[in-house]
C-alpha atoms as a PDB file:
ATOM      1  CA  UNK A   1       1.881 -44.913  37.480  1.00  0.00           C
ATOM      2  CA  UNK A   2       0.277 -41.566  38.166  1.00  0.00           C
ATOM      3  CA  UNK A   3      -1.476 -39.111  35.969  1.00  0.00           C
ATOM      4  CA  UNK A   4       0.359 -35.760  36.175  1.00  0.00           C
ATOM      5  CA  UNK A   5      -1.820 -32.721  36.356  1.00  0.00           C
ATOM      6  CA  UNK A   6      -1.082 -28.974  35.458  1.00  0.00           C
ATOM      7  CA  UNK A   7      -3.632 -26.269  35.944  1.00  0.00           C
ATOM      8  CA  UNK A   8      -3.145 -22.827  34.425  1.00  0.00           C
ATOM      9  CA  UNK A   9      -4.912 -20.003  32.767  1.00  0.00           C
ATOM     10  CA  UNK A  10      -4.283 -19.811  28.911  1.00  0.00           C
ATOM     11  CA  UNK A  11      -2.585 -16.922  27.513  1.00  0.00           C
ATOM     12  CA  UNK A  12      -4.709 -14.213  25.711  1.00  0.00           C
ATOM     13  CA  UNK A  13      -6.843 -13.976  23.762  1.00  0.00           C
ATOM     14  CA  UNK A  14      -8.528 -17.071  25.228  1.00  0.00           C
ATOM     15  CA  UNK A  15      -7.397 -16.516  28.806  1.00  0.00           C
ATOM     16  CA  UNK A  16      -9.578 -19.440  30.067  1.00  0.00           C
ATOM     17  CA  UNK A  17      -8.672 -21.858  32.929  1.00  0.00           C
ATOM     18  CA  UNK A  18      -7.366 -25.165  31.742  1.00  0.00           C
ATOM     19  CA  UNK A  19      -6.446 -28.529  33.435  1.00  0.00           C
ATOM     20  CA  UNK A  20      -3.846 -30.663  31.574  1.00  0.00           C
ATOM     21  CA  UNK A  21      -3.847 -34.344  32.471  1.00  0.00           C
ATOM     22  CA  UNK A  22      -0.662 -36.118  31.345  1.00  0.00           C
ATOM     23  CA  UNK A  23      -0.988 -39.915  31.372  1.00  0.00           C
ATOM     24  CA  UNK A  24       2.320 -41.910  31.306  1.00  0.00           C
ATOM     25  CA  UNK A  25       0.627 -44.334  28.920  1.00  0.00           C
ATOM     26  CA  UNK A  26       1.134 -41.635  26.284  1.00  0.00           C
ATOM     27  CA  UNK A  27      -2.002 -39.472  26.319  1.00  0.00           C
ATOM     28  CA  UNK A  28      -2.945 -35.916  27.122  1.00  0.00           C
ATOM     29  CA  UNK A  29      -6.352 -34.675  28.042  1.00  0.00           C
ATOM     30  CA  UNK A  30      -7.184 -31.029  28.418  1.00  0.00           C
ATOM     31  CA  UNK A  31     -10.264 -29.740  30.053  1.00  0.00           C
ATOM     32  CA  UNK A  32     -10.997 -26.077  29.372  1.00  0.00           C
ATOM     33  CA  UNK A  33     -13.508 -24.022  31.349  1.00  0.00           C
ATOM     34  CA  UNK A  34     -16.692 -23.468  29.529  1.00  0.00           C
ATOM     35  CA  UNK A  35     -16.107 -26.469  27.156  1.00  0.00           C
ATOM     36  CA  UNK A  36     -18.186 -29.590  27.414  1.00  0.00           C
ATOM     37  CA  UNK A  37     -15.724 -31.871  25.602  1.00  0.00           C
ATOM     38  CA  UNK A  38     -12.109 -32.181  26.549  1.00  0.00           C
ATOM     39  CA  UNK A  39      -9.296 -32.178  24.017  1.00  0.00           C
ATOM     40  CA  UNK A  40      -7.329 -35.352  23.532  1.00  0.00           C
ATOM     41  CA  UNK A  41      -3.908 -36.122  22.137  1.00  0.00           C
ATOM     42  CA  UNK A  42      -1.265 -38.701  21.919  1.00  0.00           C
ATOM     43  CA  UNK A  43       2.006 -37.322  23.406  1.00  0.00           C
ATOM     44  CA  UNK A  44       3.805 -38.082  20.123  1.00  0.00           C
ATOM     45  CA  UNK A  45       1.420 -35.688  18.241  1.00  0.00           C
ATOM     46  CA  UNK A  46       2.319 -32.696  20.454  1.00  0.00           C
ATOM     47  CA  UNK A  47       4.702 -29.843  19.706  1.00  0.00           C
ATOM     48  CA  UNK A  48       5.534 -26.537  21.281  1.00  0.00           C
ATOM     49  CA  UNK A  49       6.260 -23.490  19.291  1.00  0.00           C
ATOM     50  CA  UNK A  50       7.187 -20.014  20.493  1.00  0.00           C
ATOM     51  CA  UNK A  51       4.883 -17.330  18.934  1.00  0.00           C
ATOM     52  CA  UNK A  52       5.565 -13.751  17.919  1.00  0.00           C
ATOM     53  CA  UNK A  53       4.554 -12.153  21.286  1.00  0.00           C
ATOM     54  CA  UNK A  54       6.536 -14.379  23.562  1.00  0.00           C
ATOM     55  CA  UNK A  55       3.896 -16.942  24.396  1.00  0.00           C
ATOM     56  CA  UNK A  56       4.063 -20.542  23.329  1.00  0.00           C
ATOM     57  CA  UNK A  57       1.643 -22.628  21.185  1.00  0.00           C
ATOM     58  CA  UNK A  58       0.924 -26.048  22.109  1.00  0.00           C
ATOM     59  CA  UNK A  59      -0.076 -27.918  18.948  1.00  0.00           C
ATOM     60  CA  UNK A  60      -1.697 -31.293  18.343  1.00  0.00           C
ATOM     61  CA  UNK A  61      -0.950 -31.761  14.696  1.00  0.00           C
ATOM     62  CA  UNK A  62      -3.616 -30.013  12.620  1.00  0.00           C
ATOM     63  CA  UNK A  63      -6.292 -30.871  15.226  1.00  0.00           C
ATOM     64  CA  UNK A  64      -6.100 -28.095  17.771  1.00  0.00           C
ATOM     65  CA  UNK A  65      -3.635 -25.564  19.400  1.00  0.00           C
ATOM     66  CA  UNK A  66      -3.600 -23.564  22.539  1.00  0.00           C
ATOM     67  CA  UNK A  67      -1.589 -20.522  23.601  1.00  0.00           C
ATOM     68  CA  UNK A  68       0.207 -20.899  26.889  1.00  0.00           C
ATOM     69  CA  UNK A  69       2.392 -18.594  28.978  1.00  0.00           C
ATOM     70  CA  UNK A  70       6.002 -19.526  28.785  1.00  0.00           C
ATOM     71  CA  UNK A  71       6.282 -20.816  32.401  1.00  0.00           C
ATOM     72  CA  UNK A  72       3.176 -22.941  31.968  1.00  0.00           C
ATOM     73  CA  UNK A  73       4.533 -24.344  28.654  1.00  0.00           C
ATOM     74  CA  UNK A  74       7.775 -25.206  30.375  1.00  0.00           C
ATOM     75  CA  UNK A  75       6.068 -26.958  33.261  1.00  0.00           C
ATOM     76  CA  UNK A  76       3.857 -28.956  30.894  1.00  0.00           C
ATOM     77  CA  UNK A  77       6.925 -29.955  28.897  1.00  0.00           C
ATOM     78  CA  UNK A  78       8.527 -31.172  32.012  1.00  0.00           C
ATOM     79  CA  UNK A  79       5.515 -33.244  32.935  1.00  0.00           C
ATOM     80  CA  UNK A  80       5.356 -34.816  29.515  1.00  0.00           C
ATOM     81  CA  UNK A  81       9.074 -35.593  29.791  1.00  0.00           C
ATOM     82  CA  UNK A  82       8.487 -37.267  33.169  1.00  0.00           C
ATOM     83  CA  UNK A  83       5.647 -39.226  31.891  1.00  0.00           C
ATOM     84  CA  UNK A  84       7.604 -40.487  28.985  1.00  0.00           C
ATOM     85  CA  UNK A  85      10.535 -41.449  31.250  1.00  0.00           C
ATOM     86  CA  UNK A  86       8.156 -43.190  33.567  1.00  0.00           C
ATOM     87  CA  UNK A  87       6.749 -45.282  30.787  1.00  0.00           C
ATOM     88  CA  UNK A  88      10.214 -46.079  29.464  1.00  0.00           C
ATOM     89  CA  UNK A  89      11.255 -47.084  32.957  1.00  0.00           C
ATOM     90  CA  UNK A  90       8.165 -49.364  33.318  1.00  0.00           C
ATOM     91  CA  UNK A  91       8.973 -51.022  30.033  1.00  0.00           C
ATOM     92  CA  UNK A  92      12.522 -51.657  31.071  1.00  0.00           C
ATOM     93  CA  UNK A  93      11.359 -53.175  34.367  1.00  0.00           C
ATOM     94  CA  UNK A  94       9.094 -55.719  32.471  1.00  0.00           C
END
């Protein structure tokens, strides 16, 4: 199993660089430039919502949310889907 990584610049107004680490065991860690503590989430808690200006909001329940550009949101959704499938495949093999 590999941790999948996506690096991008968040959409305005934050526009900071972020690194998203998707672990096939079901977790996400987000490191944001200028922040000392990363954000954590279980993949089951995540949701993606389009916003009014064409960007996408990545939400972790009521804990936190980030605004992403549509292409970055789509890439991250793909990595999360791949990680979920990888874990399911591992469970089937066991």
